[in-house]
Amino acid sequence: MTRDLAFLADCRTRLAFDLVANTWNPVVIWALKDGPRRPGDLRTHIGGISQKVLTEALRRLESNGLVERRAYGGSPPRVEYGLTALGRTLLAPIGAFGTWAHDHGDEVLAAQDRYTRDA
């Protein structure tokens, strides 16, 4: 494959971008970086995410092999979510993207303001 074809709809590069394109996927992955969490704790840690959206994100990440669901018996039963080895491989790219956002976020916001003002 040549570099010109690197972003075709069925390529692995697009697959990777699709995994992090959803707003909540990288947020949930980052929130799990220090170890497994119960859904309620995860929701509190993230903030601003509904239970429905968190459940959808966890299922999406689990279906892609990035998150593992662990159910424990007992009364009441307990569930935790943690990163798989594959999920942990996304921490460095997500961290790098976060660093870029921190370093350049003001520039992006200024550009958005200019665009809105000039439109």
N, C-alpha and C. Protein backbone atom coordinates (compact mmCIF):
# COMPACT_ATOMS: atom_id res chain seq x y z
N MET A 1 0.84 -1.18 0.00
CA MET A 1 0.00 0.00 0.00
C MET A 1 0.88 1.25 0.00
N THR A 2 0.52 2.21 -0.80
CA THR A 2 1.28 3.46 -0.82
C THR A 2 0.70 4.41 0.22
N ARG A 3 1.45 5.43 0.54
CA ARG A 3 0.98 6.43 1.51
C ARG A 3 -0.30 7.12 1.02
N ASP A 4 -0.45 7.27 -0.28
CA ASP A 4 -1.65 7.93 -0.82
C ASP A 4 -2.93 7.17 -0.49
N LEU A 5 -2.81 5.89 -0.27
CA LEU A 5 -3.98 5.06 0.01
C LEU A 5 -4.17 4.82 1.50
N ALA A 6 -3.40 5.49 2.34
CA ALA A 6 -3.39 5.20 3.77
C ALA A 6 -4.70 5.50 4.47
N PHE A 7 -5.56 6.32 3.90
CA PHE A 7 -6.78 6.70 4.61
C PHE A 7 -8.06 6.24 3.91
N LEU A 8 -7.96 5.19 3.12
CA LEU A 8 -9.15 4.63 2.49
C LEU A 8 -10.11 4.12 3.56
N ALA A 9 -11.37 4.04 3.23
CA ALA A 9 -12.41 3.69 4.20
C ALA A 9 -12.17 2.35 4.89
N ASP A 10 -11.54 1.42 4.20
CA ASP A 10 -11.37 0.10 4.79
C ASP A 10 -9.96 -0.17 5.32
N CYS A 11 -9.18 0.88 5.52
CA CYS A 11 -7.81 0.66 5.97
C CYS A 11 -7.70 0.69 7.49
N ARG A 12 -6.61 0.18 8.01
CA ARG A 12 -6.41 0.11 9.46
C ARG A 12 -6.18 1.48 10.09
N THR A 13 -5.64 2.40 9.32
CA THR A 13 -5.45 3.75 9.85
C THR A 13 -6.80 4.38 10.15
N ARG A 14 -7.74 4.23 9.25
CA ARG A 14 -9.09 4.75 9.49
C ARG A 14 -9.73 4.05 10.68
N LEU A 15 -9.49 2.76 10.83
CA LEU A 15 -10.00 2.03 11.98
C LEU A 15 -9.50 2.66 13.26
N ALA A 16 -8.22 2.98 13.31
CA ALA A 16 -7.65 3.59 14.51
C ALA A 16 -8.28 4.95 14.78
N PHE A 17 -8.43 5.77 13.74
CA PHE A 17 -9.05 7.08 13.93
C PHE A 17 -10.50 6.94 14.38
N ASP A 18 -11.21 5.96 13.84
CA ASP A 18 -12.59 5.74 14.27
C ASP A 18 -12.68 5.40 15.75
N LEU A 19 -11.70 4.67 16.26
CA LEU A 19 -11.70 4.30 17.68
C LEU A 19 -11.59 5.51 18.60
N VAL A 20 -10.86 6.52 18.17
CA VAL A 20 -10.69 7.69 19.04
C VAL A 20 -11.54 8.88 18.59
N ALA A 21 -12.26 8.74 17.49
CA ALA A 21 -13.08 9.85 17.00
C ALA A 21 -14.31 10.09 17.88
N ASN A 22 -14.84 9.05 18.47
CA ASN A 22 -15.97 9.23 19.38
C ASN A 22 -15.48 9.99 20.60
N THR A 23 -16.17 11.03 20.95
CA THR A 23 -15.75 11.91 22.06
C THR A 23 -15.44 11.13 23.33
N TRP A 24 -16.25 10.14 23.64
CA TRP A 24 -16.12 9.48 24.94
C TRP A 24 -15.12 8.35 24.96
N ASN A 25 -14.78 7.75 23.83
CA ASN A 25 -13.85 6.62 23.84
C ASN A 25 -12.51 6.97 24.49
N PRO A 26 -11.81 8.01 24.03
CA PRO A 26 -10.52 8.31 24.66
C PRO A 26 -10.67 8.79 26.10
N VAL A 27 -11.78 9.43 26.42
CA VAL A 27 -12.01 9.89 27.79
C VAL A 27 -12.14 8.69 28.73
N VAL A 28 -12.92 7.70 28.32
CA VAL A 28 -13.10 6.50 29.14
C VAL A 28 -11.79 5.73 29.25
N ILE A 29 -11.08 5.58 28.15
CA ILE A 29 -9.79 4.89 28.18
C ILE A 29 -8.85 5.59 29.15
N TRP A 30 -8.77 6.91 29.07
CA TRP A 30 -7.87 7.66 29.96
C TRP A 30 -8.30 7.52 31.42
N ALA A 31 -9.60 7.51 31.66
CA ALA A 31 -10.11 7.38 33.03
C ALA A 31 -9.80 6.01 33.62
N LEU A 32 -9.53 5.03 32.79
CA LEU A 32 -9.21 3.68 33.25
C LEU A 32 -7.70 3.42 33.33
N LYS A 33 -6.89 4.44 33.06
CA LYS A 33 -5.44 4.24 32.98
C LYS A 33 -4.82 3.77 34.28
N ASP A 34 -5.40 4.12 35.42
CA ASP A 34 -4.83 3.73 36.71
C ASP A 34 -5.38 2.42 37.26
N GLY A 35 -6.25 1.78 36.51
CA GLY A 35 -6.76 0.49 36.94
C GLY A 35 -8.27 0.40 36.80
N PRO A 36 -8.81 -0.79 37.06
CA PRO A 36 -10.25 -1.03 36.89
C PRO A 36 -11.09 -0.13 37.79
N ARG A 37 -12.28 0.17 37.32
CA ARG A 37 -13.23 0.98 38.08
C ARG A 37 -14.63 0.42 37.90
N ARG A 38 -15.44 0.65 38.91
CA ARG A 38 -16.86 0.32 38.82
C ARG A 38 -17.54 1.42 38.00
N PRO A 39 -18.65 1.10 37.34
CA PRO A 39 -19.30 2.10 36.48
C PRO A 39 -19.66 3.41 37.20
N GLY A 40 -20.19 3.32 38.40
CA GLY A 40 -20.55 4.53 39.13
C GLY A 40 -19.34 5.39 39.45
N ASP A 41 -18.25 4.76 39.86
CA ASP A 41 -17.01 5.47 40.14
C ASP A 41 -16.45 6.08 38.86
N LEU A 42 -16.52 5.34 37.78
CA LEU A 42 -16.03 5.82 36.49
C LEU A 42 -16.83 7.05 36.05
N ARG A 43 -18.12 6.99 36.20
CA ARG A 43 -18.98 8.12 35.81
C ARG A 43 -18.67 9.36 36.65
N THR A 44 -18.47 9.18 37.94
CA THR A 44 -18.12 10.30 38.82
C THR A 44 -16.76 10.87 38.45
N HIS A 45 -15.81 9.98 38.19
CA HIS A 45 -14.45 10.40 37.85
C HIS A 45 -14.42 11.21 36.55
N ILE A 46 -15.20 10.79 35.57
CA ILE A 46 -15.25 11.48 34.29
C ILE A 46 -16.03 12.79 34.41
N GLY A 47 -17.22 12.72 34.97
CA GLY A 47 -18.08 13.90 35.07
C GLY A 47 -18.68 14.26 33.73
N GLY A 48 -19.93 14.71 33.74
CA GLY A 48 -20.57 15.17 32.52
C GLY A 48 -20.97 14.10 31.54
N ILE A 49 -20.99 12.85 31.96
CA ILE A 49 -21.38 11.75 31.07
C ILE A 49 -22.58 11.05 31.68
N SER A 50 -23.60 10.82 30.89
CA SER A 50 -24.79 10.12 31.39
C SER A 50 -24.50 8.63 31.51
N GLN A 51 -25.32 7.95 32.30
CA GLN A 51 -25.16 6.50 32.45
C GLN A 51 -25.32 5.80 31.11
N LYS A 52 -26.29 6.25 30.31
CA LYS A 52 -26.53 5.64 29.01
C LYS A 52 -25.31 5.78 28.10
N VAL A 53 -24.75 6.97 28.03
CA VAL A 53 -23.60 7.22 27.15
C VAL A 53 -22.38 6.45 27.65
N LEU A 54 -22.19 6.39 28.97
CA LEU A 54 -21.07 5.61 29.52
C LEU A 54 -21.23 4.14 29.17
N THR A 55 -22.42 3.60 29.33
CA THR A 55 -22.67 2.19 29.00
C THR A 55 -22.39 1.93 27.52
N GLU A 56 -22.84 2.82 26.65
CA GLU A 56 -22.57 2.67 25.21
C GLU A 56 -21.08 2.69 24.92
N ALA A 57 -20.36 3.62 25.56
CA ALA A 57 -18.91 3.71 25.33
C ALA A 57 -18.21 2.45 25.82
N LEU A 58 -18.57 1.98 27.00
CA LEU A 58 -17.94 0.77 27.54
C LEU A 58 -18.21 -0.44 26.65
N ARG A 59 -19.42 -0.56 26.17
CA ARG A 59 -19.74 -1.69 25.26
C ARG A 59 -18.97 -1.58 23.96
N ARG A 60 -18.87 -0.36 23.42
CA ARG A 60 -18.13 -0.15 22.17
C ARG A 60 -16.65 -0.49 22.37
N LEU A 61 -16.08 -0.04 23.48
CA LEU A 61 -14.67 -0.32 23.76
C LEU A 61 -14.44 -1.81 24.02
N GLU A 62 -15.39 -2.44 24.70
CA GLU A 62 -15.28 -3.88 24.95
C GLU A 62 -15.36 -4.66 23.63
N SER A 63 -16.25 -4.25 22.74
CA SER A 63 -16.40 -4.96 21.46
C SER A 63 -15.16 -4.83 20.58
N ASN A 64 -14.37 -3.79 20.82
CA ASN A 64 -13.13 -3.59 20.06
C ASN A 64 -11.91 -4.15 20.78
N GLY A 65 -12.12 -4.82 21.90
CA GLY A 65 -11.02 -5.46 22.62
C GLY A 65 -10.17 -4.51 23.44
N LEU A 66 -10.68 -3.30 23.72
CA LEU A 66 -9.90 -2.31 24.44
C LEU A 66 -10.19 -2.29 25.93
N VAL A 67 -11.38 -2.73 26.30
CA VAL A 67 -11.83 -2.75 27.69
C VAL A 67 -12.35 -4.13 28.01
N GLU A 68 -12.13 -4.53 29.25
CA GLU A 68 -12.60 -5.84 29.71
C GLU A 68 -13.59 -5.63 30.85
N ARG A 69 -14.72 -6.31 30.78
CA ARG A 69 -15.73 -6.27 31.83
C ARG A 69 -15.52 -7.44 32.76
N ARG A 70 -15.43 -7.16 34.05
CA ARG A 70 -15.26 -8.22 35.05
C ARG A 70 -16.44 -8.20 36.00
N ALA A 71 -17.16 -9.32 36.06
CA ALA A 71 -18.30 -9.45 36.95
C ALA A 71 -17.89 -10.28 38.16
N TYR A 72 -18.26 -9.82 39.34
CA TYR A 72 -17.96 -10.51 40.58
C TYR A 72 -19.27 -10.91 41.24
N GLY A 73 -19.28 -12.11 41.80
CA GLY A 73 -20.45 -12.58 42.51
C GLY A 73 -20.59 -11.85 43.83
N GLY A 74 -21.53 -12.27 44.58
CA GLY A 74 -21.75 -11.65 45.88
C GLY A 74 -23.07 -10.93 45.91
N SER A 75 -23.32 -10.34 47.04
CA SER A 75 -24.57 -9.62 47.20
C SER A 75 -24.27 -8.21 47.68
N PRO A 76 -24.52 -7.22 46.91
CA PRO A 76 -25.00 -7.28 45.52
C PRO A 76 -23.85 -7.61 44.57
N PRO A 77 -24.19 -8.12 43.38
CA PRO A 77 -23.15 -8.41 42.40
C PRO A 77 -22.44 -7.11 42.01
N ARG A 78 -21.20 -7.25 41.59
CA ARG A 78 -20.37 -6.09 41.30
C ARG A 78 -19.71 -6.27 39.94
N VAL A 79 -19.58 -5.16 39.21
CA VAL A 79 -18.96 -5.16 37.89
C VAL A 79 -17.88 -4.09 37.87
N GLU A 80 -16.76 -4.42 37.25
CA GLU A 80 -15.67 -3.46 37.05
C GLU A 80 -15.24 -3.50 35.59
N TYR A 81 -14.71 -2.39 35.14
CA TYR A 81 -14.16 -2.31 33.79
C TYR A 81 -12.70 -1.90 33.89
N GLY A 82 -11.87 -2.54 33.08
CA GLY A 82 -10.45 -2.22 33.05
C GLY A 82 -9.93 -2.30 31.63
N LEU A 83 -8.80 -1.70 31.41
CA LEU A 83 -8.18 -1.75 30.10
C LEU A 83 -7.55 -3.11 29.84
N THR A 84 -7.65 -3.55 28.62
CA THR A 84 -6.92 -4.74 28.19
C THR A 84 -5.51 -4.30 27.80
N ALA A 85 -4.66 -5.26 27.50
CA ALA A 85 -3.31 -4.92 27.03
C ALA A 85 -3.41 -4.07 25.76
N LEU A 86 -4.33 -4.41 24.88
CA LEU A 86 -4.53 -3.64 23.66
C LEU A 86 -5.00 -2.21 23.99
N GLY A 87 -5.91 -2.08 24.92
CA GLY A 87 -6.39 -0.76 25.33
C GLY A 87 -5.28 0.10 25.91
N ARG A 88 -4.38 -0.51 26.65
CA ARG A 88 -3.26 0.23 27.25
C ARG A 88 -2.33 0.81 26.17
N THR A 89 -2.30 0.18 25.00
CA THR A 89 -1.44 0.70 23.93
C THR A 89 -1.93 2.05 23.41
N LEU A 90 -3.17 2.42 23.70
CA LEU A 90 -3.70 3.71 23.26
C LEU A 90 -3.39 4.84 24.24
N LEU A 91 -2.88 4.53 25.42
CA LEU A 91 -2.62 5.58 26.41
C LEU A 91 -1.59 6.60 25.92
N ALA A 92 -0.52 6.14 25.31
CA ALA A 92 0.50 7.08 24.82
C ALA A 92 -0.05 8.00 23.73
N PRO A 93 -0.73 7.48 22.71
CA PRO A 93 -1.28 8.40 21.70
C PRO A 93 -2.34 9.36 22.27
N ILE A 94 -3.17 8.87 23.17
CA ILE A 94 -4.18 9.74 23.77
C ILE A 94 -3.50 10.80 24.64
N GLY A 95 -2.47 10.40 25.37
CA GLY A 95 -1.72 11.36 26.18
C GLY A 95 -1.05 12.41 25.31
N ALA A 96 -0.49 11.99 24.18
CA ALA A 96 0.15 12.94 23.27
C ALA A 96 -0.87 13.91 22.69
N PHE A 97 -2.03 13.40 22.37
CA PHE A 97 -3.07 14.27 21.84
C PHE A 97 -3.53 15.26 22.91
N GLY A 98 -3.64 14.80 24.15
CA GLY A 98 -3.98 15.70 25.26
C GLY A 98 -2.94 16.79 25.46
N THR A 99 -1.68 16.42 25.33
CA THR A 99 -0.60 17.41 25.44
C THR A 99 -0.71 18.44 24.32
N TRP A 100 -0.98 17.97 23.10
CA TRP A 100 -1.16 18.88 21.98
C TRP A 100 -2.32 19.84 22.26
N ALA A 101 -3.44 19.30 22.76
CA ALA A 101 -4.61 20.13 23.05
C ALA A 101 -4.29 21.18 24.12
N HIS A 102 -3.54 20.79 25.13
CA HIS A 102 -3.15 21.74 26.17
C HIS A 102 -2.25 22.83 25.60
N ASP A 103 -1.30 22.43 24.77
CA ASP A 103 -0.34 23.38 24.20
C ASP A 103 -0.95 24.31 23.14
N HIS A 104 -1.96 23.84 22.42
CA HIS A 104 -2.48 24.58 21.27
C HIS A 104 -3.97 24.92 21.37
N GLY A 105 -4.60 24.56 22.47
CA GLY A 105 -6.04 24.81 22.62
C GLY A 105 -6.41 26.26 22.49
N ASP A 106 -5.62 27.16 23.08
CA ASP A 106 -5.92 28.59 22.98
C ASP A 106 -5.87 29.08 21.53
N GLU A 107 -4.93 28.55 20.77
CA GLU A 107 -4.83 28.92 19.35
C GLU A 107 -6.06 28.47 18.57
N VAL A 108 -6.53 27.27 18.86
CA VAL A 108 -7.71 26.75 18.17
C VAL A 108 -8.93 27.59 18.55
N LEU A 109 -9.09 27.89 19.84
CA LEU A 109 -10.22 28.71 20.26
C LEU A 109 -10.17 30.10 19.64
N ALA A 110 -9.00 30.68 19.55
CA ALA A 110 -8.85 32.00 18.91
C ALA A 110 -9.24 31.92 17.44
N ALA A 111 -8.82 30.87 16.75
CA ALA A 111 -9.17 30.70 15.34
C ALA A 111 -10.69 30.55 15.18
N GLN A 112 -11.32 29.80 16.07
CA GLN A 112 -12.77 29.65 16.02
C GLN A 112 -13.47 30.99 16.23
N ASP A 113 -12.96 31.77 17.20
CA ASP A 113 -13.54 33.09 17.45
C ASP A 113 -13.39 34.00 16.23
N ARG A 114 -12.21 34.00 15.60
CA ARG A 114 -11.99 34.80 14.39
C ARG A 114 -12.94 34.38 13.28
N TYR A 115 -13.08 33.10 13.10
CA TYR A 115 -13.94 32.58 12.04
C TYR A 115 -15.39 33.01 12.28
N THR A 116 -15.85 32.87 13.50
CA THR A 116 -17.23 33.24 13.84
C THR A 116 -17.43 34.76 13.69
N ARG A 117 -16.48 35.52 14.13
CA ARG A 117 -16.56 36.98 14.06
C ARG A 117 -16.56 37.45 12.60
N ASP A 118 -15.74 36.83 11.77
CA ASP A 118 -15.60 37.26 10.38
C ASP A 118 -16.67 36.70 9.45
N ALA A 119 -17.39 35.71 9.91
CA ALA A 119 -18.40 35.07 9.06
C ALA A 119 -19.65 35.92 8.89
